[in-house]
Amino acid sequence: MIKLLMLILLGFVGYSMILGIIRPKEKRGGKIPRNRSRDGEKMVEDPQCGTFLPISDAIAAKVNGQEHFFCSKKCLKEFKKAQ
């Protein structure tokens, strides 16, 4: 019985080692994308609907000389129409 348990344990350890070689885990602390920091990404508010979203997902547009960020083309269009 003990021999069987030892054999199972040895098989599990071997299997785990093989998986570790085949599929290594992702490296931690890798490069951070340019528009992000360790604290996270800057959030902006859509002036039309008030939605907050990451700046990388926002649609940037200059309206009346000021830069605004929008969550969608629809909000941008409505904002320009209201100006």
C-alpha atoms as a PDB file:
ATOM      1  CA  MET A   1       0.000   0.000   0.000  1.00  0.00           C
ATOM      2  CA  ILE A   2       2.785   2.453   0.881  1.00  0.00           C
ATOM      3  CA  LYS A   3       4.618   1.536  -2.310  1.00  0.00           C
ATOM      4  CA  LEU A   4       1.496   2.418  -4.305  1.00  0.00           C
ATOM      5  CA  LEU A   5       1.140   5.794  -2.566  1.00  0.00           C
ATOM      6  CA  MET A   6       4.833   6.563  -3.140  1.00  0.00           C
ATOM      7  CA  LEU A   7       4.471   5.613  -6.807  1.00  0.00           C
ATOM      8  CA  ILE A   8       1.444   7.919  -7.177  1.00  0.00           C
ATOM      9  CA  LEU A   9       3.291  10.745  -5.428  1.00  0.00           C
ATOM     10  CA  LEU A  10       6.346  10.258  -7.642  1.00  0.00           C
ATOM     11  CA  GLY A  11       4.134  10.236 -10.740  1.00  0.00           C
ATOM     12  CA  PHE A  12       2.439  13.476  -9.671  1.00  0.00           C
ATOM     13  CA  VAL A  13       5.782  15.211  -9.030  1.00  0.00           C
ATOM     14  CA  GLY A  14       7.095  14.066 -12.412  1.00  0.00           C
ATOM     15  CA  TYR A  15       3.926  15.184 -14.168  1.00  0.00           C
ATOM     16  CA  SER A  16       4.124  18.616 -12.489  1.00  0.00           C
ATOM     17  CA  MET A  17       7.753  19.035 -13.532  1.00  0.00           C
ATOM     18  CA  ILE A  18       6.987  18.170 -17.145  1.00  0.00           C
ATOM     19  CA  LEU A  19       4.098  20.656 -17.233  1.00  0.00           C
ATOM     20  CA  GLY A  20       6.383  23.325 -15.747  1.00  0.00           C
ATOM     21  CA  ILE A  21       8.841  22.811 -18.584  1.00  0.00           C
ATOM     22  CA  ILE A  22       6.217  22.701 -21.330  1.00  0.00           C
ATOM     23  CA  ARG A  23       4.052  25.600 -20.087  1.00  0.00           C
ATOM     24  CA  PRO A  24       6.159  28.011 -18.011  1.00  0.00           C
ATOM     25  CA  LYS A  25       4.204  30.582 -16.022  1.00  0.00           C
ATOM     26  CA  GLU A  26       4.106  34.188 -17.193  1.00  0.00           C
ATOM     27  CA  LYS A  27       6.928  36.365 -15.983  1.00  0.00           C
ATOM     28  CA  ARG A  28       5.889  38.674 -13.201  1.00  0.00           C
ATOM     29  CA  GLY A  29       6.912  42.315 -13.209  1.00  0.00           C
ATOM     30  CA  GLY A  30       7.327  42.466 -16.966  1.00  0.00           C
ATOM     31  CA  LYS A  31       7.280  45.614 -19.031  1.00  0.00           C
ATOM     32  CA  ILE A  32       4.415  47.997 -18.430  1.00  0.00           C
ATOM     33  CA  PRO A  33       2.747  49.447 -21.536  1.00  0.00           C
ATOM     34  CA  ARG A  34       3.727  53.059 -22.250  1.00  0.00           C
ATOM     35  CA  ASN A  35       0.296  54.529 -21.435  1.00  0.00           C
ATOM     36  CA  ARG A  36       0.040  52.716 -18.078  1.00  0.00           C
ATOM     37  CA  SER A  37       1.826  52.880 -14.763  1.00  0.00           C
ATOM     38  CA  ARG A  38       2.125  50.503 -11.830  1.00  0.00           C
ATOM     39  CA  ASP A  39      -0.815  52.344 -10.274  1.00  0.00           C
ATOM     40  CA  GLY A  40      -3.026  51.691 -13.296  1.00  0.00           C
ATOM     41  CA  GLU A  41      -4.174  53.667 -16.291  1.00  0.00           C
ATOM     42  CA  LYS A  42      -5.478  57.232 -16.257  1.00  0.00           C
ATOM     43  CA  MET A  43      -9.267  57.456 -16.365  1.00  0.00           C
ATOM     44  CA  VAL A  44     -11.147  60.169 -18.261  1.00  0.00           C
ATOM     45  CA  GLU A  45     -14.783  61.251 -18.168  1.00  0.00           C
ATOM     46  CA  ASP A  46     -16.963  61.561 -21.241  1.00  0.00           C
ATOM     47  CA  PRO A  47     -18.397  65.114 -21.116  1.00  0.00           C
ATOM     48  CA  GLN A  48     -21.565  64.031 -22.915  1.00  0.00           C
ATOM     49  CA  CYS A  49     -22.765  61.037 -20.886  1.00  0.00           C
ATOM     50  CA  GLY A  50     -20.480  61.129 -17.834  1.00  0.00           C
ATOM     51  CA  THR A  51     -19.004  57.663 -18.342  1.00  0.00           C
ATOM     52  CA  PHE A  52     -15.493  57.081 -16.977  1.00  0.00           C
ATOM     53  CA  LEU A  53     -13.175  54.970 -19.108  1.00  0.00           C
ATOM     54  CA  PRO A  54      -9.431  54.281 -19.536  1.00  0.00           C
ATOM     55  CA  ILE A  55      -7.727  56.883 -21.711  1.00  0.00           C
ATOM     56  CA  SER A  56      -6.494  54.150 -24.094  1.00  0.00           C
ATOM     57  CA  ASP A  57     -10.125  53.175 -24.877  1.00  0.00           C
ATOM     58  CA  ALA A  58     -11.363  56.761 -25.257  1.00  0.00           C
ATOM     59  CA  ILE A  59     -11.909  58.647 -28.512  1.00  0.00           C
ATOM     60  CA  ALA A  60      -9.958  61.905 -28.335  1.00  0.00           C
ATOM     61  CA  ALA A  61     -11.243  64.968 -30.174  1.00  0.00           C
ATOM     62  CA  LYS A  62     -10.595  68.701 -30.120  1.00  0.00           C
ATOM     63  CA  VAL A  63     -13.760  70.729 -29.830  1.00  0.00           C
ATOM     64  CA  ASN A  64     -13.484  74.527 -29.767  1.00  0.00           C
ATOM     65  CA  GLY A  65      -9.733  74.237 -29.142  1.00  0.00           C
ATOM     66  CA  GLN A  66     -10.096  71.957 -26.103  1.00  0.00           C
ATOM     67  CA  GLU A  67      -9.285  68.266 -26.061  1.00  0.00           C
ATOM     68  CA  HIS A  68     -12.118  66.042 -24.859  1.00  0.00           C
ATOM     69  CA  PHE A  69     -12.377  62.259 -24.511  1.00  0.00           C
ATOM     70  CA  PHE A  70     -15.499  60.312 -25.487  1.00  0.00           C
ATOM     71  CA  CYS A  71     -16.691  56.752 -24.919  1.00  0.00           C
ATOM     72  CA  SER A  72     -18.208  56.438 -28.402  1.00  0.00           C
ATOM     73  CA  LYS A  73     -18.600  58.191 -31.732  1.00  0.00           C
ATOM     74  CA  LYS A  74     -22.256  58.728 -30.874  1.00  0.00           C
ATOM     75  CA  CYS A  75     -21.341  60.785 -27.765  1.00  0.00           C
ATOM     76  CA  LEU A  76     -18.780  62.765 -29.781  1.00  0.00           C
ATOM     77  CA  LYS A  77     -21.361  63.528 -32.464  1.00  0.00           C
ATOM     78  CA  GLU A  78     -23.977  64.594 -29.889  1.00  0.00           C
ATOM     79  CA  PHE A  79     -21.441  66.777 -28.041  1.00  0.00           C
ATOM     80  CA  LYS A  80     -20.423  68.560 -31.256  1.00  0.00           C
ATOM     81  CA  LYS A  81     -24.094  69.030 -32.158  1.00  0.00           C
ATOM     82  CA  ALA A  82     -24.813  70.639 -28.757  1.00  0.00           C
ATOM     83  CA  GLN A  83     -21.886  73.092 -29.124  1.00  0.00           C
END
